[in-house]
Amino acid sequence: MQSVIKNPPKNVTIEQVLRVNHWTETLFSFRTTRPAAFRFRSGEFIMLGLLQNEKPLLRAYSIASPHWDDGLDFYSIKVQDGPLTSLLQHIRPEDKILIGKKPTGTLVTDNLKPAQRIFLFSTGTGVAPFSSLVRDPELYEKYEQIILTHTCRKVEELKFSQALVNDLRNDPLVGDLAQSRIKYFASCTRDSFMNIGRITDQITSESFFKELSIDPLNPNTDVVMICGSMQMINDTCEILENLGFEEGSNSKPASYVIEKAFAD
């Protein structure tokens, strides 16, 4: 499907697709080779893409693998008329892909103050950076408990996070710690499921905390990361601000950070 990539821009490297997994008709993940000198912090994103008409077509993608992994994983939606994903969804192993050289992002533990618990709130493909973080031993060194949530419209759209949590048990670095420290909460807004509704509604009603048998959010003991739709981010931030949480950044660590899920 691809022509040979010649003279790529200086801000990208040419990597090879190693594996592609189509989770649903609208969601897929893929794994690529990793540049030898590429360094990043778990939770960051990079620009990636393909050549179209001999010009690079790049979009921001969260890295779904941890910093120690020798490959790079990504999780994406399929937008049929999207400039990039309409093409990207057809990639196959051994195809070439453009990977940016400069990772960045706010969903890193450096931007948060010390705490006992960390909450990772996500919707849709916004779970991707948390896939990176929950496989990073540093997360378990910093927090006694890790609460990962994933909210989607349909049950089938939870497959990625369900597989992530199941595979954590056998993870070579964090398997034992994950079994005792991670709590996972999945919910759907459209399909019938054990947990139905927006995560923000379940936080407000406290049904979320009761389901997991944990204490409600507390800015004195907890920090939060949020990634997903803008509505979910805005609503969650409002809840957090009312509770006394403060937004952190690279220059000023605080009690919560946000990143919108990237869509084509």
Protein backbone atom coordinates (compact mmCIF):
# COMPACT_ATOMS: atom_id res chain seq x y z
CA MET A 1 0.00 0.00 0.00
CA GLN A 2 2.97 2.32 0.42
CA SER A 3 5.56 3.86 -1.81
CA VAL A 4 9.15 3.99 -0.65
CA ILE A 5 9.71 6.89 1.75
CA LYS A 6 12.52 9.02 0.39
CA ASN A 7 14.11 12.05 2.04
CA PRO A 8 11.94 12.14 5.18
CA PRO A 9 11.73 15.40 7.16
CA LYS A 10 14.50 15.93 9.70
CA ASN A 11 12.05 15.90 12.62
CA VAL A 12 10.97 12.27 12.04
CA THR A 13 12.50 8.83 11.65
CA ILE A 14 11.29 6.02 9.41
CA GLU A 15 10.17 3.03 11.45
CA GLN A 16 8.56 -0.30 10.61
CA VAL A 17 5.14 -1.57 11.63
CA LEU A 18 5.54 -4.79 13.60
CA ARG A 19 1.97 -5.68 14.53
CA VAL A 20 -1.59 -4.44 14.01
CA ASN A 21 -4.63 -5.38 16.10
CA HIS A 22 -8.15 -4.38 15.04
CA TRP A 23 -10.18 -4.33 18.26
CA THR A 24 -13.47 -3.19 16.71
CA GLU A 25 -14.65 -1.66 13.44
CA THR A 26 -13.63 1.74 14.81
CA LEU A 27 -10.59 1.02 17.01
CA PHE A 28 -7.16 -0.47 16.35
CA SER A 29 -3.69 -0.57 17.88
CA PHE A 30 -0.31 -1.05 16.30
CA ARG A 31 3.30 -1.60 17.30
CA THR A 32 6.36 -0.18 15.58
CA THR A 33 10.10 -0.41 15.90
CA ARG A 34 11.70 2.13 18.21
CA PRO A 35 14.54 4.44 17.12
CA ALA A 36 17.77 3.55 18.89
CA ALA A 37 18.23 6.99 20.46
CA PHE A 38 14.56 7.65 21.21
CA ARG A 39 13.84 8.56 24.84
CA PHE A 40 10.54 9.50 26.45
CA ARG A 41 8.70 9.57 29.76
CA SER A 42 5.79 7.17 30.19
CA GLY A 43 2.58 9.08 29.45
CA GLU A 44 3.99 11.36 26.74
CA PHE A 45 2.88 11.66 23.10
CA ILE A 46 4.63 12.13 19.78
CA MET A 47 3.80 13.07 16.22
CA LEU A 48 3.45 10.14 13.83
CA GLY A 49 2.06 9.56 10.38
CA LEU A 50 2.51 8.66 6.75
CA LEU A 51 3.58 10.30 3.53
CA GLN A 52 0.73 11.56 1.36
CA ASN A 53 1.57 12.98 -2.05
CA GLU A 54 5.22 12.91 -0.94
CA LYS A 55 4.44 15.17 2.03
CA PRO A 56 4.37 14.06 5.68
CA LEU A 57 0.89 13.83 7.20
CA LEU A 58 1.43 13.81 10.97
CA ARG A 59 -0.86 13.76 14.00
CA ALA A 60 -0.28 13.58 17.76
CA TYR A 61 -0.49 10.10 19.30
CA SER A 62 0.03 9.06 22.90
CA ILE A 63 2.61 6.32 23.31
CA ALA A 64 0.81 3.30 24.78
CA SER A 65 3.95 1.40 25.78
CA PRO A 66 6.22 2.20 28.77
CA HIS A 67 9.55 3.96 28.44
CA TRP A 68 11.53 0.72 28.95
CA ASP A 69 9.86 -1.18 26.08
CA ASP A 70 11.99 -1.83 22.99
CA GLY A 71 9.01 -1.12 20.71
CA LEU A 72 6.40 1.64 20.48
CA ASP A 73 2.67 0.93 20.85
CA PHE A 74 -0.21 3.18 19.78
CA TYR A 75 -4.00 3.05 20.07
CA SER A 76 -6.18 4.80 17.50
CA ILE A 77 -9.69 5.43 16.31
CA LYS A 78 -10.67 4.88 12.68
CA VAL A 79 -12.17 7.97 11.07
CA GLN A 80 -13.25 7.06 7.55
CA ASP A 81 -12.84 10.62 6.24
CA GLY A 82 -10.00 11.54 8.59
CA PRO A 83 -6.93 12.83 6.75
CA LEU A 84 -4.59 10.41 8.54
CA THR A 85 -6.62 7.63 10.16
CA SER A 86 -8.47 6.88 6.92
CA LEU A 87 -5.04 5.77 5.65
CA LEU A 88 -3.44 4.61 8.90
CA GLN A 89 -6.14 2.02 9.62
CA HIS A 90 -4.94 0.03 6.60
CA ILE A 91 -1.30 -0.36 7.70
CA ARG A 92 0.13 -3.86 7.88
CA PRO A 93 3.26 -5.44 9.36
CA GLU A 94 6.44 -4.41 7.53
CA ASP A 95 4.89 -1.14 6.31
CA LYS A 96 6.88 2.02 7.01
CA ILE A 97 5.67 4.78 9.29
CA LEU A 98 6.98 8.21 10.30
CA ILE A 99 7.73 8.69 14.00
CA GLY A 100 8.49 12.11 15.47
CA LYS A 101 11.72 12.71 17.35
CA LYS A 102 10.41 14.96 20.15
CA PRO A 103 8.03 13.43 22.71
CA THR A 104 6.12 15.78 24.99
CA GLY A 105 3.00 15.94 27.13
CA THR A 106 1.58 16.70 30.56
CA LEU A 107 0.51 13.20 31.69
CA VAL A 108 3.76 12.45 33.47
CA THR A 109 4.29 11.84 37.17
CA ASP A 110 6.85 14.67 37.31
CA ASN A 111 3.93 17.10 37.03
CA LEU A 112 2.22 15.77 40.15
CA LYS A 113 3.00 16.26 43.82
CA PRO A 114 3.67 13.22 46.06
CA ALA A 115 0.52 11.33 47.05
CA GLN A 116 -0.81 8.02 48.33
CA ARG A 117 -3.23 7.32 45.46
CA ILE A 118 -3.36 8.20 41.77
CA PHE A 119 -6.58 8.18 39.75
CA LEU A 120 -6.33 7.71 35.97
CA PHE A 121 -9.62 8.82 34.36
CA SER A 122 -10.04 8.05 30.65
CA THR A 123 -12.60 7.83 27.88
CA GLY A 124 -12.15 6.19 24.47
CA THR A 125 -8.59 6.19 23.14
CA GLY A 126 -7.65 8.44 26.06
CA VAL A 127 -6.66 5.27 27.89
CA ALA A 128 -3.52 5.01 25.70
CA PRO A 129 -1.12 7.05 27.89
CA PHE A 130 -2.31 5.15 30.95
CA SER A 131 -1.43 1.90 29.17
CA SER A 132 2.12 3.26 29.22
CA LEU A 133 2.03 4.42 32.83
CA VAL A 134 0.58 1.30 34.47
CA ARG A 135 3.43 -0.77 33.03
CA ASP A 136 6.07 1.59 34.44
CA PRO A 137 7.65 0.47 37.76
CA GLU A 138 8.06 4.12 38.75
CA LEU A 139 4.28 4.46 39.14
CA TYR A 140 4.29 1.74 41.79
CA GLU A 141 7.24 3.34 43.58
CA LYS A 142 5.34 6.62 43.89
CA TYR A 143 1.80 5.48 44.70
CA GLU A 144 0.33 2.92 47.07
CA GLN A 145 -2.84 2.54 45.01
CA ILE A 146 -3.59 3.11 41.32
CA ILE A 147 -7.18 3.48 40.13
CA LEU A 148 -7.67 3.18 36.36
CA THR A 149 -11.05 4.03 34.82
CA HIS A 150 -12.14 3.64 31.21
CA THR A 151 -15.50 4.81 29.90
CA CYS A 152 -16.77 4.09 26.38
CA ARG A 153 -20.08 4.10 24.56
CA LYS A 154 -20.14 0.39 23.76
CA VAL A 155 -18.99 -2.69 25.66
CA GLU A 156 -16.76 -3.84 22.79
CA GLU A 157 -14.82 -0.58 23.01
CA LEU A 158 -13.53 -1.63 26.42
CA LYS A 159 -11.55 -4.55 24.96
CA PHE A 160 -8.25 -2.67 24.88
CA SER A 161 -8.26 -1.69 28.56
CA GLN A 162 -9.63 -5.08 29.64
CA ALA A 163 -6.76 -6.81 27.84
CA LEU A 164 -4.30 -4.34 29.34
CA VAL A 165 -5.40 -5.07 32.90
CA ASN A 166 -5.48 -8.83 32.32
CA ASP A 167 -1.99 -8.81 30.80
CA LEU A 168 -0.59 -6.79 33.70
CA ARG A 169 -0.69 -9.90 35.86
CA ASN A 170 2.05 -11.44 33.73
CA ASP A 171 4.03 -8.25 33.13
CA PRO A 172 7.76 -8.96 33.68
CA LEU A 173 8.36 -5.80 35.72
CA VAL A 174 5.13 -4.85 37.49
CA GLY A 175 3.03 -8.03 37.50
CA ASP A 176 3.16 -8.73 41.23
CA LEU A 177 2.67 -5.09 42.21
CA ALA A 178 -0.20 -4.59 39.77
CA GLN A 179 -2.20 -7.45 41.25
CA SER A 180 -2.25 -5.82 44.68
CA ARG A 181 -2.27 -2.11 43.84
CA ILE A 182 -4.37 -1.55 40.71
CA LYS A 183 -8.12 -1.15 40.77
CA TYR A 184 -9.90 -1.06 37.41
CA PHE A 185 -13.31 0.47 36.74
CA ALA A 186 -14.96 0.16 33.32
CA SER A 187 -18.25 1.77 32.35
CA CYS A 188 -20.43 2.27 29.28
CA THR A 189 -22.68 5.17 28.36
CA ARG A 190 -24.74 3.46 25.65
CA ASP A 191 -24.70 -0.34 26.02
CA SER A 192 -26.09 -2.31 28.93
CA PHE A 193 -23.19 -3.08 31.28
CA MET A 194 -22.45 -3.66 34.95
CA ASN A 195 -21.50 0.03 35.28
CA ILE A 196 -23.62 2.38 33.18
CA GLY A 197 -23.15 6.12 32.75
CA ARG A 198 -20.52 8.82 32.59
CA ILE A 199 -17.65 8.56 35.03
CA THR A 200 -18.34 12.12 36.21
CA ASP A 201 -21.89 11.18 37.23
CA GLN A 202 -20.57 8.15 39.08
CA ILE A 203 -17.99 10.28 40.89
CA THR A 204 -20.66 12.79 41.91
CA SER A 205 -23.06 10.10 43.10
CA GLU A 206 -20.14 8.27 44.78
CA SER A 207 -21.30 4.97 43.23
CA PHE A 208 -17.82 4.71 41.68
CA PHE A 209 -16.13 4.73 45.09
CA LYS A 210 -18.65 2.33 46.59
CA GLU A 211 -18.19 -0.13 43.72
CA LEU A 212 -14.42 -0.23 44.31
CA SER A 213 -14.71 0.00 48.11
CA ILE A 214 -12.40 3.01 48.26
CA ASP A 215 -12.55 6.43 49.91
CA PRO A 216 -13.77 9.42 47.85
CA LEU A 217 -11.31 11.79 46.18
CA ASN A 218 -9.22 13.83 48.60
CA PRO A 219 -6.68 16.50 47.53
CA ASN A 220 -4.62 15.76 50.65
CA THR A 221 -3.97 12.13 49.69
CA ASP A 222 -4.71 11.84 45.95
CA VAL A 223 -3.53 13.01 42.55
CA VAL A 224 -5.38 12.67 39.24
CA MET A 225 -4.63 12.32 35.53
CA ILE A 226 -7.38 12.85 32.95
CA CYS A 227 -7.39 11.98 29.24
CA GLY A 228 -10.39 11.75 26.93
CA SER A 229 -13.15 13.85 25.40
CA MET A 230 -13.18 17.57 26.11
CA GLN A 231 -16.57 17.30 27.82
CA MET A 232 -15.29 14.62 30.19
CA ILE A 233 -12.15 16.63 30.90
CA ASN A 234 -14.04 19.85 31.58
CA ASP A 235 -16.63 18.17 33.79
CA THR A 236 -14.00 16.24 35.75
CA CYS A 237 -11.85 19.34 36.22
CA GLU A 238 -14.85 21.21 37.62
CA ILE A 239 -15.44 18.42 40.13
CA LEU A 240 -11.78 18.38 41.13
CA GLU A 241 -11.51 22.16 41.47
CA ASN A 242 -14.58 22.19 43.72
CA LEU A 243 -12.86 19.59 45.91
CA GLY A 244 -9.70 21.68 46.20
CA PHE A 245 -7.49 20.02 43.58
CA GLU A 246 -5.09 22.23 41.59
CA GLU A 247 -3.86 21.71 38.04
CA GLY A 248 -0.17 20.89 37.66
CA SER A 249 2.36 21.51 34.90
CA ASN A 250 5.99 20.95 33.99
CA SER A 251 6.93 24.09 35.89
CA LYS A 252 4.62 23.63 38.88
CA PRO A 253 3.63 20.11 40.05
CA ALA A 254 0.20 19.97 41.67
CA SER A 255 -2.68 17.54 42.22
CA TYR A 256 -4.07 16.92 38.72
CA VAL A 257 -3.08 17.09 35.05
CA ILE A 258 -5.03 16.74 31.79
CA GLU A 259 -4.48 15.81 28.16
CA LYS A 260 -7.20 15.62 25.54
CA ALA A 261 -7.55 12.41 23.56
CA PHE A 262 -6.31 13.06 20.05
CA ALA A 263 -8.80 12.59 17.21
CA ASP A 264 -8.32 12.87 13.45
